[in-house]
Each structure stands twice: as structure tokens, then as C-alpha cells.
């Protein structure tokens, strides 16, 4: 059995795909590995670059060229590409990321060989931004040497493992329905893996992770009801997947998304829908009294009712002021 399969997943990344493939080709190992490049029906010239690399490296590169875009934010491109992987270990990489250390595959594979109880391992990554924001290392110096399921679940979204930094055991992956519908691939993948064994960490910087892809800001996502509802669905699935062991934390996390839904574009003129969401948020989060009043005042109590309340609340003051005059 082949030891490692590299899976590069791409869609319309003409400017970056060559660098990603080159970084995989430059790996120095004492074992054979393959490079699968799954293209989700790119139309910008990405596919032509992949085919050119295949011509130059026919024994190493295996293009997986889908006849149409498979959708779901690249999820099905990933699944269909990984179905063809022959390696015991899988090294996943997005087409706009790249590896910076030619010994990366060797180091990670050796680590998993030496730690058979672990489901995966990862290393540090440099996060760069297309908008010029300063780069930074994703993992702090005090990053734990071994990550468990508990470390991946919190009251806020937990993400500290770059896609390009992971090597995992391919036979451990499965795709429940909530995963298949999720717009996020990394978070569910690490949950699935960590359920079956801890994830090791190697404190070495060996890849680059690009953010602000396609010019789409994360802030825009958090004002889109479809994105927010997808996150709610994903965390409800994670709650079931983990047998409700972390329900208290996950419930708080889910409530965050209901709070963000109140300001989503789709609810800006939908009073009844937004009021229902506000009550749902208050029921789930059970916030302090000040926030209770604020949410009720801003999203639940109609404006005309607030005007009447304000009128009568201020009436004694006005009458007193009038009598004084």
C-alpha cells in the first residue's frame, strides 16, 4: 500500500495552483507518494495548468477533473478526490496554499508511524492575507503537543489547525449527513478524527495558509443568514456526533449564531422573523439582565409600542415641567 497521498483541492485558482503543486513535488521522502489534484470544474485556466504538470510528471500527478462543479463549497470535490487516494496517510492542501519545507511529508509520516494511537498530526503554518494584513504564525509557542476532542470544542468557534498542515489516517474518515451539508470542511474533519484518537502537534513552520480568498471578507459571511444557519446546523450535528458530551459549550456557541442572525441582511425588514430569532437567542443564551432588555427593546418590542412606552414614561416629567412653568 502506498504510504502517502497528497490531495490538492482547487477551483479557479490559476494564480496559485502551480505553487501548490510545486511544493508537493519538492518533497524529499524515503517512501513513494502520489499527488491527486481535484479540480471542481475551473474555468479560469487552472485545469490547463494541472494537465501541463501531469504531462511533465506522469508518474507522480493524478488529475481528478470533474465534468461539472460539484458544489457545497468544494466538499464533494474533496470527497470524490479522496475516494481515489491509495495512501495510508492523507496530506490535504487547498490549491491556494503551499508547503515551505521539503521534509514536511517525511516528518509527519514518521510522527504517525511512531504514534499509532494518534488519528492525525499537524504542524505550524504561516497565515498570510491578500489584503496586506501582516502575516502571523497560526500556532502559539505554548500549543499543546497533543490535541483531544475536548480541545476542539468551545463556547466560541475553535480553529487552530491549518488545512495545509495536517496528515491524517485515511481509513478513519467518514462523512455523516451534517458534515456533508456543512460549508466548513476543516472543523468537522478534525472532530471526526479526534473522536478516534488524539491529534499530535509538531512545532515546526512548514506551510502557508492564505486568507481573504477571492476577496470575500469573513465579516460578510457573518451577516449572511445562509452561512449562519449552516453553522448552527453544523454545531447541532457535532453535538449529536459527540453524544451530547459537550452540550453546554456547544449550546453557547450556537446561541452566538442566533445573535448574529438578528443583524443578517435577510432579516433587516422581517420583524416577525427577527423577533422569533431574538426570543430563541434569549432562551438559549440566558444573558445578563442588561442584554435581555437591550435585545427585547431592539428586536422584539415594536417601534410604535416603544414610542407609546416612552411617551407615558416621560409624561410625569413633562407634566411636572409644565406645572412649574
C-alpha atoms as a PDB file:
ATOM      1  CA  UNK A   1       0.000   0.000   0.000  1.00  0.00           C
ATOM      2  CA  UNK A   2       1.226   3.489  -0.872  1.00  0.00           C
ATOM      3  CA  UNK A   3       2.216   5.383   2.251  1.00  0.00           C
ATOM      4  CA  UNK A   4       1.015   8.919   1.499  1.00  0.00           C
ATOM      5  CA  UNK A   5      -1.490  10.504  -0.857  1.00  0.00           C
ATOM      6  CA  UNK A   6      -1.315  14.262  -1.310  1.00  0.00           C
ATOM      7  CA  UNK A   7      -4.734  15.697  -2.143  1.00  0.00           C
ATOM      8  CA  UNK A   8      -4.722  19.212  -3.612  1.00  0.00           C
ATOM      9  CA  UNK A   9      -8.237  20.604  -3.970  1.00  0.00           C
ATOM     10  CA  UNK A  10      -8.821  23.570  -6.238  1.00  0.00           C
ATOM     11  CA  UNK A  11     -11.339  25.716  -8.050  1.00  0.00           C
ATOM     12  CA  UNK A  12     -10.441  28.769 -10.150  1.00  0.00           C
ATOM     13  CA  UNK A  13      -7.033  29.263  -8.549  1.00  0.00           C
ATOM     14  CA  UNK A  14      -4.919  29.815 -11.654  1.00  0.00           C
ATOM     15  CA  UNK A  15      -2.609  32.254  -9.868  1.00  0.00           C
ATOM     16  CA  UNK A  16      -1.774  29.796  -7.070  1.00  0.00           C
ATOM     17  CA  UNK A  17      -2.185  26.186  -8.198  1.00  0.00           C
ATOM     18  CA  UNK A  18       1.286  25.943  -9.733  1.00  0.00           C
ATOM     19  CA  UNK A  19       2.962  26.925  -6.458  1.00  0.00           C
ATOM     20  CA  UNK A  20       0.866  24.374  -4.552  1.00  0.00           C
ATOM     21  CA  UNK A  21       1.786  21.555  -6.939  1.00  0.00           C
ATOM     22  CA  UNK A  22       5.470  22.553  -6.988  1.00  0.00           C
ATOM     23  CA  UNK A  23       5.616  22.476  -3.185  1.00  0.00           C
ATOM     24  CA  UNK A  24       4.273  18.911  -3.222  1.00  0.00           C
ATOM     25  CA  UNK A  25       6.684  17.835  -5.954  1.00  0.00           C
ATOM     26  CA  UNK A  26       9.667  19.136  -3.953  1.00  0.00           C
ATOM     27  CA  UNK A  27       9.039  16.786  -1.022  1.00  0.00           C
ATOM     28  CA  UNK A  28      12.014  14.572  -0.173  1.00  0.00           C
ATOM     29  CA  UNK A  29      10.944  11.219   1.283  1.00  0.00           C
ATOM     30  CA  UNK A  30      12.186   7.673   1.708  1.00  0.00           C
ATOM     31  CA  UNK A  31       8.783   6.411   0.540  1.00  0.00           C
ATOM     32  CA  UNK A  32       6.675   6.785  -2.592  1.00  0.00           C
ATOM     33  CA  UNK A  33       3.778   9.205  -2.607  1.00  0.00           C
ATOM     34  CA  UNK A  34       1.177  10.333  -5.114  1.00  0.00           C
ATOM     35  CA  UNK A  35      -0.310  13.763  -5.832  1.00  0.00           C
ATOM     36  CA  UNK A  36      -4.009  13.910  -6.641  1.00  0.00           C
ATOM     37  CA  UNK A  37      -5.267  17.287  -7.883  1.00  0.00           C
ATOM     38  CA  UNK A  38      -9.044  17.556  -7.645  1.00  0.00           C
ATOM     39  CA  UNK A  39     -10.408  20.339  -9.828  1.00  0.00           C
ATOM     40  CA  UNK A  40     -14.028  21.404  -9.286  1.00  0.00           C
ATOM     41  CA  UNK A  41     -14.573  22.415 -12.938  1.00  0.00           C
ATOM     42  CA  UNK A  42     -12.411  25.531 -13.003  1.00  0.00           C
ATOM     43  CA  UNK A  43     -12.966  27.941 -15.898  1.00  0.00           C
ATOM     44  CA  UNK A  44     -10.028  30.322 -15.394  1.00  0.00           C
ATOM     45  CA  UNK A  45      -7.181  28.186 -16.761  1.00  0.00           C
ATOM     46  CA  UNK A  46      -6.484  26.219 -13.574  1.00  0.00           C
ATOM     47  CA  UNK A  47      -7.336  22.939 -15.289  1.00  0.00           C
ATOM     48  CA  UNK A  48      -4.885  23.576 -18.113  1.00  0.00           C
ATOM     49  CA  UNK A  49      -2.075  24.148 -15.601  1.00  0.00           C
ATOM     50  CA  UNK A  50      -2.900  20.852 -13.874  1.00  0.00           C
ATOM     51  CA  UNK A  51      -2.805  18.974 -17.170  1.00  0.00           C
ATOM     52  CA  UNK A  52       0.534  20.555 -18.031  1.00  0.00           C
ATOM     53  CA  UNK A  53       2.001  19.297 -14.752  1.00  0.00           C
ATOM     54  CA  UNK A  54       0.607  15.842 -15.436  1.00  0.00           C
ATOM     55  CA  UNK A  55       2.406  15.760 -18.789  1.00  0.00           C
ATOM     56  CA  UNK A  56       5.675  16.673 -17.091  1.00  0.00           C
ATOM     57  CA  UNK A  57       5.241  14.342 -14.100  1.00  0.00           C
ATOM     58  CA  UNK A  58       3.006  11.496 -15.336  1.00  0.00           C
ATOM     59  CA  UNK A  59       4.186   9.050 -12.679  1.00  0.00           C
ATOM     60  CA  UNK A  60       3.515  11.425  -9.798  1.00  0.00           C
ATOM     61  CA  UNK A  61       0.474  13.574 -10.585  1.00  0.00           C
ATOM     62  CA  UNK A  62      -3.067  12.251 -10.984  1.00  0.00           C
ATOM     63  CA  UNK A  63      -5.600  14.886 -12.070  1.00  0.00           C
ATOM     64  CA  UNK A  64      -9.178  14.398 -10.884  1.00  0.00           C
ATOM     65  CA  UNK A  65     -11.131  16.579 -13.312  1.00  0.00           C
ATOM     66  CA  UNK A  66     -14.849  16.708 -12.634  1.00  0.00           C
ATOM     67  CA  UNK A  67     -17.207  17.281 -15.605  1.00  0.00           C
ATOM     68  CA  UNK A  68     -19.150  19.879 -13.601  1.00  0.00           C
ATOM     69  CA  UNK A  69     -18.852  21.866 -10.390  1.00  0.00           C
ATOM     70  CA  UNK A  70     -19.904  19.523  -7.600  1.00  0.00           C
ATOM     71  CA  UNK A  71     -20.934  22.323  -5.232  1.00  0.00           C
ATOM     72  CA  UNK A  72     -21.141  22.540  -1.447  1.00  0.00           C
ATOM     73  CA  UNK A  73     -18.127  24.842  -1.184  1.00  0.00           C
ATOM     74  CA  UNK A  74     -15.762  22.197  -2.572  1.00  0.00           C
ATOM     75  CA  UNK A  75     -16.858  19.469  -0.165  1.00  0.00           C
ATOM     76  CA  UNK A  76     -17.801  16.950  -2.842  1.00  0.00           C
ATOM     77  CA  UNK A  77     -14.651  17.719  -4.807  1.00  0.00           C
ATOM     78  CA  UNK A  78     -12.749  16.694  -1.683  1.00  0.00           C
ATOM     79  CA  UNK A  79     -14.774  13.532  -1.102  1.00  0.00           C
ATOM     80  CA  UNK A  80     -14.602  12.337  -4.704  1.00  0.00           C
ATOM     81  CA  UNK A  81     -10.874  13.045  -4.901  1.00  0.00           C
ATOM     82  CA  UNK A  82     -10.111  11.232  -1.647  1.00  0.00           C
ATOM     83  CA  UNK A  83     -12.029   8.193  -2.869  1.00  0.00           C
ATOM     84  CA  UNK A  84      -9.197   7.674  -5.348  1.00  0.00           C
ATOM     85  CA  UNK A  85      -6.385   8.048  -2.817  1.00  0.00           C
ATOM     86  CA  UNK A  86      -4.196   4.957  -2.447  1.00  0.00           C
ATOM     87  CA  UNK A  87      -2.157   6.157   0.512  1.00  0.00           C
ATOM     88  CA  UNK A  88      -2.477   5.062   4.129  1.00  0.00           C
ATOM     89  CA  UNK A  89      -1.966   8.689   5.174  1.00  0.00           C
ATOM     90  CA  UNK A  90      -3.593  11.733   3.554  1.00  0.00           C
ATOM     91  CA  UNK A  91      -1.990  15.174   3.252  1.00  0.00           C
ATOM     92  CA  UNK A  92      -4.689  17.672   2.352  1.00  0.00           C
ATOM     93  CA  UNK A  93      -3.976  21.056   0.748  1.00  0.00           C
ATOM     94  CA  UNK A  94      -6.127  23.782  -0.809  1.00  0.00           C
ATOM     95  CA  UNK A  95      -4.992  24.979  -4.204  1.00  0.00           C
ATOM     96  CA  UNK A  96      -4.021  28.435  -2.988  1.00  0.00           C
ATOM     97  CA  UNK A  97      -1.859  27.200  -0.103  1.00  0.00           C
ATOM     98  CA  UNK A  98       1.621  25.721  -0.328  1.00  0.00           C
ATOM     99  CA  UNK A  99       4.269  23.906   1.686  1.00  0.00           C
ATOM    100  CA  UNK A 100       7.533  25.607   2.597  1.00  0.00           C
ATOM    101  CA  UNK A 101       9.550  22.659   3.912  1.00  0.00           C
ATOM    102  CA  UNK A 102      10.651  19.850   1.599  1.00  0.00           C
ATOM    103  CA  UNK A 103      10.790  17.425   4.539  1.00  0.00           C
ATOM    104  CA  UNK A 104       7.213  18.042   5.661  1.00  0.00           C
ATOM    105  CA  UNK A 105       5.760  14.730   4.452  1.00  0.00           C
ATOM    106  CA  UNK A 106       8.651  12.734   5.866  1.00  0.00           C
ATOM    107  CA  UNK A 107       8.437  14.411   9.276  1.00  0.00           C
ATOM    108  CA  UNK A 108       4.675  13.978   9.607  1.00  0.00           C
ATOM    109  CA  UNK A 109       4.638  10.400   8.319  1.00  0.00           C
ATOM    110  CA  UNK A 110       7.446   9.439  10.707  1.00  0.00           C
ATOM    111  CA  UNK A 111       5.476  11.006  13.542  1.00  0.00           C
ATOM    112  CA  UNK A 112       2.327   8.989  12.811  1.00  0.00           C
ATOM    113  CA  UNK A 113       4.398   5.823  12.441  1.00  0.00           C
ATOM    114  CA  UNK A 114       5.807   6.467  15.914  1.00  0.00           C
ATOM    115  CA  UNK A 115       2.387   7.348  17.444  1.00  0.00           C
ATOM    116  CA  UNK A 116      -0.076   4.676  16.280  1.00  0.00           C
ATOM    117  CA  UNK A 117      -2.690   5.845  18.795  1.00  0.00           C
ATOM    118  CA  UNK A 118      -2.985   9.243  17.094  1.00  0.00           C
ATOM    119  CA  UNK A 119      -5.509   9.811  14.312  1.00  0.00           C
ATOM    120  CA  UNK A 120      -3.576  12.674  12.720  1.00  0.00           C
ATOM    121  CA  UNK A 121      -0.819  15.201  13.257  1.00  0.00           C
ATOM    122  CA  UNK A 122      -0.240  18.807  12.226  1.00  0.00           C
ATOM    123  CA  UNK A 123       2.424  21.487  12.242  1.00  0.00           C
ATOM    124  CA  UNK A 124       2.558  25.270  12.471  1.00  0.00           C
ATOM    125  CA  UNK A 125       1.539  27.411   9.488  1.00  0.00           C
ATOM    126  CA  UNK A 126       2.117  30.984   8.392  1.00  0.00           C
ATOM    127  CA  UNK A 127      -1.141  32.852   7.818  1.00  0.00           C
ATOM    128  CA  UNK A 128      -0.968  35.463   5.058  1.00  0.00           C
ATOM    129  CA  UNK A 129      -3.640  37.906   3.892  1.00  0.00           C
ATOM    130  CA  UNK A 130      -4.328  39.027   0.357  1.00  0.00           C
ATOM    131  CA  UNK A 131      -5.289  42.486   1.641  1.00  0.00           C
ATOM    132  CA  UNK A 132      -1.818  43.211   3.021  1.00  0.00           C
ATOM    133  CA  UNK A 133      -2.571  42.491   6.676  1.00  0.00           C
ATOM    134  CA  UNK A 134       0.677  41.408   8.399  1.00  0.00           C
ATOM    135  CA  UNK A 135       1.364  37.677   8.365  1.00  0.00           C
ATOM    136  CA  UNK A 136       1.470  35.676  11.589  1.00  0.00           C
ATOM    137  CA  UNK A 137       2.080  32.141  12.794  1.00  0.00           C
ATOM    138  CA  UNK A 138      -1.162  30.293  13.459  1.00  0.00           C
ATOM    139  CA  UNK A 139       0.026  28.266  16.442  1.00  0.00           C
ATOM    140  CA  UNK A 140       1.395  29.878  19.598  1.00  0.00           C
ATOM    141  CA  UNK A 141       4.609  28.716  21.289  1.00  0.00           C
ATOM    142  CA  UNK A 142       2.546  27.042  24.017  1.00  0.00           C
ATOM    143  CA  UNK A 143       0.486  24.940  21.590  1.00  0.00           C
ATOM    144  CA  UNK A 144      -0.248  21.554  23.198  1.00  0.00           C
ATOM    145  CA  UNK A 145       1.756  18.628  21.853  1.00  0.00           C
ATOM    146  CA  UNK A 146      -1.391  16.511  21.689  1.00  0.00           C
ATOM    147  CA  UNK A 147      -4.898  17.750  20.929  1.00  0.00           C
ATOM    148  CA  UNK A 148      -8.003  15.899  22.107  1.00  0.00           C
ATOM    149  CA  UNK A 149     -11.662  16.242  21.206  1.00  0.00           C
ATOM    150  CA  UNK A 150     -12.217  18.484  24.220  1.00  0.00           C
ATOM    151  CA  UNK A 151      -9.651  20.973  22.880  1.00  0.00           C
ATOM    152  CA  UNK A 152     -11.630  21.373  19.644  1.00  0.00           C
ATOM    153  CA  UNK A 153     -14.959  22.346  21.214  1.00  0.00           C
ATOM    154  CA  UNK A 154     -15.645  25.635  22.969  1.00  0.00           C
ATOM    155  CA  UNK A 155     -18.215  28.343  23.594  1.00  0.00           C
ATOM    156  CA  UNK A 156     -16.702  30.178  20.628  1.00  0.00           C
ATOM    157  CA  UNK A 157     -15.574  28.723  17.315  1.00  0.00           C
ATOM    158  CA  UNK A 158     -12.340  26.769  17.756  1.00  0.00           C
ATOM    159  CA  UNK A 159      -9.914  26.631  14.839  1.00  0.00           C
ATOM    160  CA  UNK A 160      -6.156  26.411  15.087  1.00  0.00           C
ATOM    161  CA  UNK A 161      -5.202  23.681  12.585  1.00  0.00           C
ATOM    162  CA  UNK A 162      -4.479  24.880   9.054  1.00  0.00           C
ATOM    163  CA  UNK A 163      -5.731  22.686   6.208  1.00  0.00           C
ATOM    164  CA  UNK A 164      -2.272  22.587   4.653  1.00  0.00           C
ATOM    165  CA  UNK A 165      -0.662  21.456   7.923  1.00  0.00           C
ATOM    166  CA  UNK A 166      -2.367  18.101   8.501  1.00  0.00           C
ATOM    167  CA  UNK A 167      -1.541  14.460   7.821  1.00  0.00           C
ATOM    168  CA  UNK A 168      -4.298  12.036   8.809  1.00  0.00           C
ATOM    169  CA  UNK A 169      -5.127   8.352   8.597  1.00  0.00           C
ATOM    170  CA  UNK A 170      -7.362   7.983   5.562  1.00  0.00           C
ATOM    171  CA  UNK A 171      -9.302   4.971   6.825  1.00  0.00           C
ATOM    172  CA  UNK A 172     -10.616   6.961   9.810  1.00  0.00           C
ATOM    173  CA  UNK A 173     -12.587   9.495   7.787  1.00  0.00           C
ATOM    174  CA  UNK A 174     -16.343   9.217   7.353  1.00  0.00           C
ATOM    175  CA  UNK A 175     -18.965  11.748   6.356  1.00  0.00           C
ATOM    176  CA  UNK A 176     -22.230  11.909   8.338  1.00  0.00           C
ATOM    177  CA  UNK A 177     -25.045  13.966   6.858  1.00  0.00           C
ATOM    178  CA  UNK A 178     -24.317  17.073   8.929  1.00  0.00           C
ATOM    179  CA  UNK A 179     -20.730  17.016   7.639  1.00  0.00           C
ATOM    180  CA  UNK A 180     -21.883  16.608   4.038  1.00  0.00           C
ATOM    181  CA  UNK A 181     -24.088  19.691   4.371  1.00  0.00           C
ATOM    182  CA  UNK A 182     -21.546  21.836   6.201  1.00  0.00           C
ATOM    183  CA  UNK A 183     -19.908  24.788   4.450  1.00  0.00           C
ATOM    184  CA  UNK A 184     -16.839  24.162   6.628  1.00  0.00           C
ATOM    185  CA  UNK A 185     -14.582  21.204   5.939  1.00  0.00           C
ATOM    186  CA  UNK A 186     -11.816  21.653   8.496  1.00  0.00           C
ATOM    187  CA  UNK A 187     -13.858  21.865  11.696  1.00  0.00           C
ATOM    188  CA  UNK A 188     -15.930  18.699  11.062  1.00  0.00           C
ATOM    189  CA  UNK A 189     -12.875  16.799   9.811  1.00  0.00           C
ATOM    190  CA  UNK A 190     -10.910  17.419  12.984  1.00  0.00           C
ATOM    191  CA  UNK A 191     -13.899  16.482  15.149  1.00  0.00           C
ATOM    192  CA  UNK A 192     -14.295  13.177  13.295  1.00  0.00           C
ATOM    193  CA  UNK A 193     -10.583  12.416  13.602  1.00  0.00           C
ATOM    194  CA  UNK A 194     -10.246  13.440  17.252  1.00  0.00           C
ATOM    195  CA  UNK A 195     -13.138  11.145  18.177  1.00  0.00           C
ATOM    196  CA  UNK A 196     -10.937   8.238  17.123  1.00  0.00           C
ATOM    197  CA  UNK A 197      -7.651   9.326  18.637  1.00  0.00           C
ATOM    198  CA  UNK A 198      -5.686  12.403  19.687  1.00  0.00           C
ATOM    199  CA  UNK A 199      -4.059  14.693  17.116  1.00  0.00           C
ATOM    200  CA  UNK A 200      -0.329  15.299  17.510  1.00  0.00           C
ATOM    201  CA  UNK A 201       1.424  18.638  17.024  1.00  0.00           C
ATOM    202  CA  UNK A 202       4.893  19.268  15.582  1.00  0.00           C
ATOM    203  CA  UNK A 203       6.205  22.767  16.440  1.00  0.00           C
ATOM    204  CA  UNK A 204       7.729  23.475  13.055  1.00  0.00           C
ATOM    205  CA  UNK A 205       6.616  26.057  10.466  1.00  0.00           C
ATOM    206  CA  UNK A 206       6.108  24.164   7.199  1.00  0.00           C
ATOM    207  CA  UNK A 207       3.268  25.713   5.175  1.00  0.00           C
ATOM    208  CA  UNK A 208       1.480  28.909   4.192  1.00  0.00           C
ATOM    209  CA  UNK A 209      -2.250  29.393   4.620  1.00  0.00           C
ATOM    210  CA  UNK A 210      -3.803  32.207   2.575  1.00  0.00           C
ATOM    211  CA  UNK A 211      -6.847  34.073   3.898  1.00  0.00           C
ATOM    212  CA  UNK A 212      -9.306  36.539   2.327  1.00  0.00           C
ATOM    213  CA  UNK A 213      -9.650  34.185  -0.599  1.00  0.00           C
ATOM    214  CA  UNK A 214     -11.472  35.546  -3.598  1.00  0.00           C
ATOM    215  CA  UNK A 215     -11.721  38.918  -1.893  1.00  0.00           C
ATOM    216  CA  UNK A 216     -14.590  37.753   0.307  1.00  0.00           C
ATOM    217  CA  UNK A 217     -14.398  39.113   3.826  1.00  0.00           C
ATOM    218  CA  UNK A 218     -15.236  36.931   6.808  1.00  0.00           C
ATOM    219  CA  UNK A 219     -17.301  39.814   8.132  1.00  0.00           C
ATOM    220  CA  UNK A 220     -19.616  39.490   5.125  1.00  0.00           C
ATOM    221  CA  UNK A 221     -20.232  35.826   5.993  1.00  0.00           C
ATOM    222  CA  UNK A 222     -21.393  36.778   9.455  1.00  0.00           C
ATOM    223  CA  UNK A 223     -24.133  38.985   8.003  1.00  0.00           C
ATOM    224  CA  UNK A 224     -25.416  36.240   5.698  1.00  0.00           C
ATOM    225  CA  UNK A 225     -28.284  34.193   7.146  1.00  0.00           C
ATOM    226  CA  UNK A 226     -27.473  31.179   4.971  1.00  0.00           C
ATOM    227  CA  UNK A 227     -23.929  30.989   6.301  1.00  0.00           C
ATOM    228  CA  UNK A 228     -25.053  31.474   9.904  1.00  0.00           C
ATOM    229  CA  UNK A 229     -27.796  28.837   9.678  1.00  0.00           C
ATOM    230  CA  UNK A 230     -25.291  26.431   8.142  1.00  0.00           C
ATOM    231  CA  UNK A 231     -23.027  26.964  11.154  1.00  0.00           C
ATOM    232  CA  UNK A 232     -25.961  26.273  13.505  1.00  0.00           C
ATOM    233  CA  UNK A 233     -26.721  23.045  11.625  1.00  0.00           C
ATOM    234  CA  UNK A 234     -23.055  22.023  11.767  1.00  0.00           C
ATOM    235  CA  UNK A 235     -22.743  22.507  15.520  1.00  0.00           C
ATOM    236  CA  UNK A 236     -26.029  20.719  16.161  1.00  0.00           C
ATOM    237  CA  UNK A 237     -24.521  17.832  14.180  1.00  0.00           C
ATOM    238  CA  UNK A 238     -21.306  17.976  16.193  1.00  0.00           C
ATOM    239  CA  UNK A 239     -23.381  17.872  19.373  1.00  0.00           C
ATOM    240  CA  UNK A 240     -25.034  14.643  18.230  1.00  0.00           C
ATOM    241  CA  UNK A 241     -21.769  13.225  16.905  1.00  0.00           C
ATOM    242  CA  UNK A 242     -20.115  13.683  20.294  1.00  0.00           C
ATOM    243  CA  UNK A 243     -23.078  12.063  22.087  1.00  0.00           C
ATOM    244  CA  UNK A 244     -24.012  15.394  23.717  1.00  0.00           C
ATOM    245  CA  UNK A 245     -20.946  15.271  25.936  1.00  0.00           C
ATOM    246  CA  UNK A 246     -20.232  18.972  25.308  1.00  0.00           C
ATOM    247  CA  UNK A 247     -23.797  20.268  25.003  1.00  0.00           C
ATOM    248  CA  UNK A 248     -23.329  23.156  27.443  1.00  0.00           C
ATOM    249  CA  UNK A 249     -20.441  24.637  25.456  1.00  0.00           C
ATOM    250  CA  UNK A 250     -21.979  23.914  22.066  1.00  0.00           C
ATOM    251  CA  UNK A 251     -25.272  25.479  23.128  1.00  0.00           C
ATOM    252  CA  UNK A 252     -23.493  28.728  23.996  1.00  0.00           C
ATOM    253  CA  UNK A 253     -21.657  28.610  20.670  1.00  0.00           C
ATOM    254  CA  UNK A 254     -24.879  28.053  18.721  1.00  0.00           C
ATOM    255  CA  UNK A 255     -26.535  30.945  20.559  1.00  0.00           C
ATOM    256  CA  UNK A 256     -23.803  33.233  19.168  1.00  0.00           C
ATOM    257  CA  UNK A 257     -25.011  32.489  15.666  1.00  0.00           C
ATOM    258  CA  UNK A 258     -28.621  33.220  16.591  1.00  0.00           C
ATOM    259  CA  UNK A 259     -27.426  36.577  17.930  1.00  0.00           C
ATOM    260  CA  UNK A 260     -25.614  37.282  14.647  1.00  0.00           C
ATOM    261  CA  UNK A 261     -28.728  36.295  12.680  1.00  0.00           C
ATOM    262  CA  UNK A 262     -30.502  39.284  14.196  1.00  0.00           C
ATOM    263  CA  UNK A 263     -28.271  41.547  12.091  1.00  0.00           C
ATOM    264  CA  UNK A 264     -28.230  39.381   8.965  1.00  0.00           C
ATOM    265  CA  UNK A 265     -29.157  41.107   5.726  1.00  0.00           C
ATOM    266  CA  UNK A 266     -32.073  38.761   5.089  1.00  0.00           C
ATOM    267  CA  UNK A 267     -33.822  39.831   8.331  1.00  0.00           C
ATOM    268  CA  UNK A 268     -33.321  43.588   8.059  1.00  0.00           C
ATOM    269  CA  UNK A 269     -37.016  44.103   7.137  1.00  0.00           C
ATOM    270  CA  UNK A 270     -38.524  40.971   8.638  1.00  0.00           C
ATOM    271  CA  UNK A 271     -39.838  41.984  12.065  1.00  0.00           C
ATOM    272  CA  UNK A 272     -41.605  38.736  12.951  1.00  0.00           C
ATOM    273  CA  UNK A 273     -38.735  36.530  11.797  1.00  0.00           C
ATOM    274  CA  UNK A 274     -36.189  38.601  13.680  1.00  0.00           C
ATOM    275  CA  UNK A 275     -38.337  38.772  16.821  1.00  0.00           C
ATOM    276  CA  UNK A 276     -38.643  34.974  16.826  1.00  0.00           C
ATOM    277  CA  UNK A 277     -34.867  34.654  16.471  1.00  0.00           C
ATOM    278  CA  UNK A 278     -34.320  37.121  19.305  1.00  0.00           C
ATOM    279  CA  UNK A 279     -36.532  35.093  21.641  1.00  0.00           C
ATOM    280  CA  UNK A 280     -34.727  31.928  20.588  1.00  0.00           C
ATOM    281  CA  UNK A 281     -31.398  33.571  21.363  1.00  0.00           C
ATOM    282  CA  UNK A 282     -32.559  34.748  24.806  1.00  0.00           C
ATOM    283  CA  UNK A 283     -33.872  31.275  25.617  1.00  0.00           C
ATOM    284  CA  UNK A 284     -30.616  29.592  24.607  1.00  0.00           C
ATOM    285  CA  UNK A 285     -28.104  32.120  25.968  1.00  0.00           C
ATOM    286  CA  UNK A 286     -29.874  33.331  29.096  1.00  0.00           C
ATOM    287  CA  UNK A 287     -27.817  36.547  29.118  1.00  0.00           C
ATOM    288  CA  UNK A 288     -27.479  39.159  31.853  1.00  0.00           C
ATOM    289  CA  UNK A 289     -30.465  41.434  32.502  1.00  0.00           C
ATOM    290  CA  UNK A 290     -28.948  44.383  30.625  1.00  0.00           C
ATOM    291  CA  UNK A 291     -28.613  42.346  27.453  1.00  0.00           C
ATOM    292  CA  UNK A 292     -32.116  40.945  27.927  1.00  0.00           C
ATOM    293  CA  UNK A 293     -33.535  44.453  27.927  1.00  0.00           C
ATOM    294  CA  UNK A 294     -31.376  45.559  25.027  1.00  0.00           C
ATOM    295  CA  UNK A 295     -32.379  42.626  22.789  1.00  0.00           C
ATOM    296  CA  UNK A 296     -36.053  42.951  23.692  1.00  0.00           C
ATOM    297  CA  UNK A 297     -36.027  46.681  23.047  1.00  0.00           C
ATOM    298  CA  UNK A 298     -34.152  46.475  19.754  1.00  0.00           C
ATOM    299  CA  UNK A 299     -35.546  43.316  18.160  1.00  0.00           C
ATOM    300  CA  UNK A 300     -38.765  42.227  19.880  1.00  0.00           C
ATOM    301  CA  UNK A 301     -40.825  45.192  21.076  1.00  0.00           C
ATOM    302  CA  UNK A 302     -42.289  47.033  18.030  1.00  0.00           C
ATOM    303  CA  UNK A 303     -41.185  50.587  17.470  1.00  0.00           C
ATOM    304  CA  UNK A 304     -44.668  52.038  17.905  1.00  0.00           C
ATOM    305  CA  UNK A 305     -45.004  50.306  21.256  1.00  0.00           C
ATOM    306  CA  UNK A 306     -41.663  51.728  22.372  1.00  0.00           C
ATOM    307  CA  UNK A 307     -42.896  55.188  21.374  1.00  0.00           C
ATOM    308  CA  UNK A 308     -46.036  54.750  23.497  1.00  0.00           C
ATOM    309  CA  UNK A 309     -43.964  53.465  26.401  1.00  0.00           C
ATOM    310  CA  UNK A 310     -41.582  56.395  26.116  1.00  0.00           C
ATOM    311  CA  UNK A 311     -44.498  58.816  25.989  1.00  0.00           C
ATOM    312  CA  UNK A 312     -46.076  57.553  29.208  1.00  0.00           C
ATOM    313  CA  UNK A 313     -42.724  57.045  30.920  1.00  0.00           C
ATOM    314  CA  UNK A 314     -41.852  60.673  30.305  1.00  0.00           C
ATOM    315  CA  UNK A 315     -45.354  62.023  30.912  1.00  0.00           C
ATOM    316  CA  UNK A 316     -44.925  62.708  34.678  1.00  0.00           C
ATOM    317  CA  UNK A 317     -41.749  64.633  33.969  1.00  0.00           C
ATOM    318  CA  UNK A 318     -43.487  66.673  31.283  1.00  0.00           C
ATOM    319  CA  UNK A 319     -46.471  67.415  33.494  1.00  0.00           C
ATOM    320  CA  UNK A 320     -44.219  68.454  36.340  1.00  0.00           C
ATOM    321  CA  UNK A 321     -42.258  70.667  33.988  1.00  0.00           C
ATOM    322  CA  UNK A 322     -45.468  72.221  32.660  1.00  0.00           C
ATOM    323  CA  UNK A 323     -46.844  72.903  36.136  1.00  0.00           C
ATOM    324  CA  UNK A 324     -43.554  74.515  37.098  1.00  0.00           C
ATOM    325  CA  UNK A 325     -43.791  76.852  34.135  1.00  0.00           C
END
